[in-house]
Protein backbone atom coordinates (compact mmCIF):
# COMPACT_ATOMS: atom_id res chain seq x y z
CA UNK A 1 21.39 11.84 29.26
CA UNK A 2 23.69 12.04 26.20
CA UNK A 3 27.08 13.72 26.69
CA UNK A 4 26.77 17.50 26.42
CA UNK A 5 29.95 17.78 24.32
CA UNK A 6 28.46 15.63 21.52
CA UNK A 7 27.28 17.48 18.38
CA UNK A 8 23.61 18.39 18.54
CA UNK A 9 21.18 16.35 16.47
CA UNK A 10 20.02 18.64 13.67
CA UNK A 11 16.28 18.27 13.13
CA UNK A 12 13.81 19.38 10.47
CA UNK A 13 10.13 19.57 11.44
CA UNK A 14 7.52 19.50 8.66
CA UNK A 15 3.80 19.92 9.33
CA UNK A 16 1.20 22.13 7.68
CA UNK A 17 -0.22 23.15 11.07
CA UNK A 18 1.73 25.89 12.84
CA UNK A 19 0.50 24.84 16.28
CA UNK A 20 1.73 21.28 15.74
CA UNK A 21 5.17 22.53 14.74
CA UNK A 22 5.23 24.79 17.77
CA UNK A 23 4.31 21.90 20.05
CA UNK A 24 7.06 19.69 18.63
CA UNK A 25 9.55 22.56 18.94
CA UNK A 26 8.59 23.00 22.58
CA UNK A 27 9.04 19.30 23.33
CA UNK A 28 12.39 18.96 21.58
CA UNK A 29 13.74 22.16 23.11
CA UNK A 30 13.87 20.30 26.42
CA UNK A 31 16.62 18.05 25.03
CA UNK A 32 20.04 19.72 25.13
CA UNK A 33 21.35 17.41 22.41
CA UNK A 34 18.62 18.25 19.85
CA UNK A 35 18.45 21.40 17.72
CA UNK A 36 15.64 22.29 15.31
CA UNK A 37 17.36 23.96 12.38
CA UNK A 38 14.45 24.20 9.93
CA UNK A 39 10.66 24.07 9.75
CA UNK A 40 8.48 23.38 6.71
CA UNK A 41 4.75 23.77 6.10
CA UNK A 42 4.53 21.37 3.13
CA UNK A 43 6.31 18.41 1.60
CA UNK A 44 8.15 20.26 -1.16
CA UNK A 45 9.56 22.77 1.29
CA UNK A 46 10.61 19.89 3.55
CA UNK A 47 12.62 18.27 0.73
CA UNK A 48 14.26 21.59 -0.14
CA UNK A 49 15.21 22.34 3.47
CA UNK A 50 16.50 18.81 4.05
CA UNK A 51 18.83 19.24 1.09
CA UNK A 52 19.92 22.71 2.17
CA UNK A 53 20.58 22.00 5.84
CA UNK A 54 21.66 18.33 5.63
CA UNK A 55 19.70 17.55 8.78
CA UNK A 56 20.25 14.41 10.83
CA UNK A 57 16.54 13.74 11.37
CA UNK A 58 13.46 14.90 9.46
CA UNK A 59 10.12 14.74 11.30
CA UNK A 60 7.44 14.64 8.61
CA UNK A 61 3.66 14.75 8.86
CA UNK A 62 1.99 12.34 6.43
CA UNK A 63 -0.72 14.67 5.18
CA UNK A 64 0.70 17.93 3.86
CA UNK A 65 -0.13 20.15 0.87
CA UNK A 66 1.82 20.28 -2.41
CA UNK A 67 3.65 17.03 -1.58
CA UNK A 68 2.55 14.55 1.06
CA UNK A 69 4.92 13.29 3.72
CA UNK A 70 5.28 9.85 2.15
CA UNK A 71 6.42 11.25 -1.18
CA UNK A 72 8.66 13.74 0.64
CA UNK A 73 10.23 10.86 2.59
CA UNK A 74 11.06 9.08 -0.68
CA UNK A 75 12.69 12.19 -2.14
CA UNK A 76 14.65 12.99 1.02
CA UNK A 77 15.90 9.40 1.23
CA UNK A 78 17.11 9.66 -2.38
CA UNK A 79 18.59 13.16 -2.13
CA UNK A 80 20.03 13.08 1.40
CA UNK A 81 20.61 9.42 2.38
CA UNK A 82 22.25 10.41 5.66
CA UNK A 83 19.00 11.99 6.89
CA UNK A 84 16.82 9.71 8.98
CA UNK A 85 13.11 10.26 8.38
CA UNK A 86 10.54 9.88 11.15
CA UNK A 87 6.90 10.01 10.13
CA UNK A 88 4.47 11.76 12.48
CA UNK A 89 0.74 11.27 12.07
CA UNK A 90 -2.60 10.84 13.77
CA UNK A 91 -3.25 7.82 11.55
CA UNK A 92 -1.92 4.31 12.07
CA UNK A 93 -3.21 2.44 9.03
CA UNK A 94 -0.96 -0.32 7.80
CA UNK A 95 -0.81 0.89 4.20
CA UNK A 96 0.78 4.23 5.12
CA UNK A 97 3.16 2.58 7.58
CA UNK A 98 4.30 0.04 4.99
CA UNK A 99 4.77 2.69 2.30
CA UNK A 100 6.72 4.94 4.68
CA UNK A 101 9.05 2.15 5.70
CA UNK A 102 9.56 1.09 2.07
CA UNK A 103 10.38 4.71 1.24
CA UNK A 104 13.27 4.51 3.67
CA UNK A 105 11.70 6.05 6.77
CA UNK A 106 13.51 5.15 9.99
CA UNK A 107 10.31 5.05 11.97
CA UNK A 108 6.70 5.96 12.49
CA UNK A 109 5.28 7.79 15.51
CA UNK A 110 1.80 8.99 16.38
CA UNK A 111 1.35 12.68 17.13
CA UNK A 112 0.07 11.86 20.60
CA UNK A 113 3.34 10.10 21.43
CA UNK A 114 4.49 11.18 24.94
CA UNK A 115 7.22 13.87 24.86
CA UNK A 116 9.88 11.59 26.30
CA UNK A 117 9.20 8.97 23.62
CA UNK A 118 9.39 11.60 20.87
CA UNK A 119 12.80 12.71 22.14
CA UNK A 120 13.97 9.12 22.41
CA UNK A 121 12.67 8.44 18.92
CA UNK A 122 14.68 11.33 17.45
CA UNK A 123 17.82 10.10 19.22
CA UNK A 124 17.26 6.52 18.07
CA UNK A 125 16.72 7.61 14.47
CA UNK A 126 19.87 9.76 14.55
CA UNK A 127 21.81 6.69 15.69
CA UNK A 128 20.51 4.70 12.75
CA UNK A 129 17.94 2.67 14.66
CA UNK A 130 14.37 1.94 13.59
CA UNK A 131 11.56 3.21 15.80
CA UNK A 132 7.85 2.40 15.60
CA UNK A 133 5.42 3.40 18.34
CA UNK A 134 3.85 0.51 20.29
CA UNK A 135 0.35 1.51 19.15
CA UNK A 136 1.35 1.21 15.50
CA UNK A 137 3.14 -2.08 16.11
CA UNK A 138 -0.03 -3.54 17.63
CA UNK A 139 -2.12 -2.22 14.75
CA UNK A 140 0.24 -3.76 12.20
CA UNK A 141 0.15 -7.11 13.97
CA UNK A 142 -3.65 -7.01 14.12
CA UNK A 143 -3.89 -6.16 10.43
CA UNK A 144 -1.40 -8.88 9.56
CA UNK A 145 -3.39 -11.49 11.46
CA UNK A 146 -6.65 -10.26 9.97
CA UNK A 147 -5.08 -10.40 6.52
CA UNK A 148 -3.83 -13.94 7.05
CA UNK A 149 -7.28 -15.07 8.17
CA UNK A 150 -8.96 -13.38 5.21
CA UNK A 151 -6.40 -14.88 2.82
CA UNK A 152 -6.88 -18.39 4.17
CA UNK A 153 -10.66 -18.15 3.96
CA UNK A 154 -10.54 -16.67 0.46
CA UNK A 155 -8.22 -19.42 -0.77
CA UNK A 156 -10.56 -22.06 0.63
CA UNK A 157 -13.60 -20.49 -1.02
CA UNK A 158 -11.92 -20.19 -4.43
CA UNK A 159 -10.25 -23.62 -4.39
CA UNK A 160 -13.18 -25.25 -6.24
CA UNK A 161 -12.92 -22.89 -9.23
CA UNK A 162 -11.66 -24.25 -12.54
CA UNK A 163 -8.67 -22.67 -14.28
CA UNK A 164 -10.96 -20.78 -16.65
CA UNK A 165 -13.14 -19.53 -13.81
CA UNK A 166 -10.04 -18.31 -11.98
CA UNK A 167 -8.91 -16.50 -15.12
CA UNK A 168 -12.27 -14.74 -15.35
CA UNK A 169 -12.33 -13.96 -11.60
CA UNK A 170 -8.83 -12.51 -11.82
CA UNK A 171 -10.04 -9.98 -14.36
CA UNK A 172 -13.22 -9.24 -12.44
CA UNK A 173 -10.87 -8.39 -9.58
CA UNK A 174 -9.14 -5.74 -11.69
CA UNK A 175 -12.46 -4.05 -12.49
CA UNK A 176 -12.76 -5.12 -16.14
CA UNK A 177 -16.18 -5.27 -17.77
CA UNK A 178 -17.55 -8.43 -19.37
CA UNK A 179 -16.65 -7.04 -22.79
CA UNK A 180 -13.06 -6.30 -21.78
CA UNK A 181 -12.67 -9.74 -20.23
CA UNK A 182 -14.04 -11.31 -23.41
CA UNK A 183 -11.43 -9.48 -25.48
CA UNK A 184 -8.59 -10.60 -23.24
CA UNK A 185 -9.63 -14.24 -23.11
CA UNK A 186 -10.78 -14.31 -26.75
CA UNK A 187 -14.31 -15.51 -26.02
CA UNK A 188 -17.75 -14.03 -26.47
CA UNK A 189 -19.23 -11.60 -24.00
CA UNK A 190 -22.09 -14.04 -23.42
CA UNK A 191 -19.59 -16.67 -22.34
CA UNK A 192 -18.02 -14.29 -19.83
CA UNK A 193 -21.43 -13.38 -18.46
CA UNK A 194 -22.22 -17.05 -17.97
CA UNK A 195 -18.91 -17.62 -16.22
CA UNK A 196 -19.43 -14.65 -13.92
CA UNK A 197 -22.85 -15.95 -12.90
CA UNK A 198 -21.37 -19.36 -12.26
CA UNK A 199 -18.49 -17.90 -10.23
CA UNK A 200 -20.82 -15.82 -8.08
CA UNK A 201 -22.92 -18.89 -7.34
CA UNK A 202 -19.91 -21.02 -6.46
CA UNK A 203 -18.39 -18.38 -4.19
CA UNK A 204 -21.66 -17.34 -2.59
CA UNK A 205 -21.13 -13.71 -3.64
CA UNK A 206 -24.03 -11.39 -4.32
CA UNK A 207 -22.26 -9.17 -6.82
CA UNK A 208 -19.02 -8.49 -8.72
CA UNK A 209 -17.65 -6.21 -6.01
CA UNK A 210 -17.73 -9.01 -3.45
CA UNK A 211 -16.12 -11.36 -5.96
CA UNK A 212 -13.41 -8.78 -6.72
CA UNK A 213 -12.60 -8.40 -3.02
CA UNK A 214 -12.42 -12.16 -2.65
CA UNK A 215 -10.05 -12.37 -5.62
CA UNK A 216 -7.80 -9.78 -4.00
CA UNK A 217 -7.77 -11.60 -0.66
CA UNK A 218 -6.99 -14.91 -2.38
CA UNK A 219 -4.21 -13.35 -4.43
CA UNK A 220 -5.92 -14.21 -7.71
CA UNK A 221 -4.82 -11.77 -10.39
CA UNK A 222 -4.03 -11.94 -14.10
CA UNK A 223 -0.41 -12.48 -15.04
CA UNK A 224 -0.65 -9.80 -17.68
CA UNK A 225 -2.96 -8.07 -20.08
CA UNK A 226 -1.92 -10.38 -22.91
CA UNK A 227 -2.50 -13.61 -21.01
CA UNK A 228 -4.00 -16.39 -23.13
CA UNK A 229 -6.61 -18.81 -21.75
CA UNK A 230 -5.11 -21.68 -19.71
CA UNK A 231 -3.49 -24.48 -21.67
CA UNK A 232 -5.85 -27.28 -22.56
CA UNK A 233 -8.81 -24.91 -22.76
CA UNK A 234 -11.15 -25.75 -25.58
CA UNK A 235 -12.02 -22.17 -26.56
CA UNK A 236 -10.32 -21.68 -29.95
CA UNK A 237 -8.59 -18.49 -31.00
CA UNK A 238 -9.49 -16.60 -34.17
CA UNK A 239 -6.28 -17.84 -35.76
CA UNK A 240 -7.43 -21.46 -35.66
CA UNK A 241 -11.21 -21.33 -35.87
CA UNK A 242 -13.64 -19.04 -37.60
CA UNK A 243 -15.86 -16.80 -35.52
CA UNK A 244 -19.05 -18.80 -36.08
CA UNK A 245 -17.53 -22.02 -34.79
CA UNK A 246 -16.02 -20.25 -31.80
CA UNK A 247 -19.27 -18.54 -30.85
CA UNK A 248 -21.10 -21.88 -31.00
CA UNK A 249 -18.52 -23.46 -28.72
CA UNK A 250 -18.58 -20.49 -26.31
CA UNK A 251 -22.32 -20.68 -25.81
CA UNK A 252 -22.32 -24.29 -24.72
CA UNK A 253 -19.07 -24.24 -22.76
CA UNK A 254 -20.01 -23.06 -19.24
CA UNK A 255 -22.79 -25.58 -18.67
CA UNK A 256 -25.28 -25.43 -15.81
CA UNK A 257 -23.97 -23.87 -12.55
């Protein structure tokens, strides 16, 4: 039990559901060293109240109207750096956890966290410590391991691609059409179509969506929208060859799959 003469931890609770806020208030009222000084029903109100009251800890729901909890966490961290932000949610997906932590959140707790753990989490955040519920930690580890496996497999499957095929696959992964890829790589649309067919066959993919997902897992992405074809490539640019010569070269370039 913290010393009773210590200043109370000033807390802001933000959730668009009144019953949830009431439940959190009831739980935290059992701790003599914690005081709820403000409640918000949306993200914008949470940011405003955090600035006004200079709270020690802000408990934010992820999904709120007007401004979601993740965006609110970013704004609170920028406007009131001394305020520790704890995210409360029913979701434990890795993307939201990562974004919340990058935004400066001190921790991430599920809404079904036991009352004692919620109180301990508020105290830990007020002391400057990071807190992540065990369920979320396990989920993050599982996702990390799954991601590593998917990345390894994707890299193995794409290792046989040529530099040009990787350049085309990188742009398929960003959702570009054959015509858009042709413009970026300065080749004909027919050439791109031939490359895509060849890539699908090599990777064992049934369609572009599967190829795009594989490109993402393998970390294959274009360096920029103005990227030229890889050095040593024999597809000429309009500055050096006329269109007729280039088109002739493009048609014969891919070869049989």
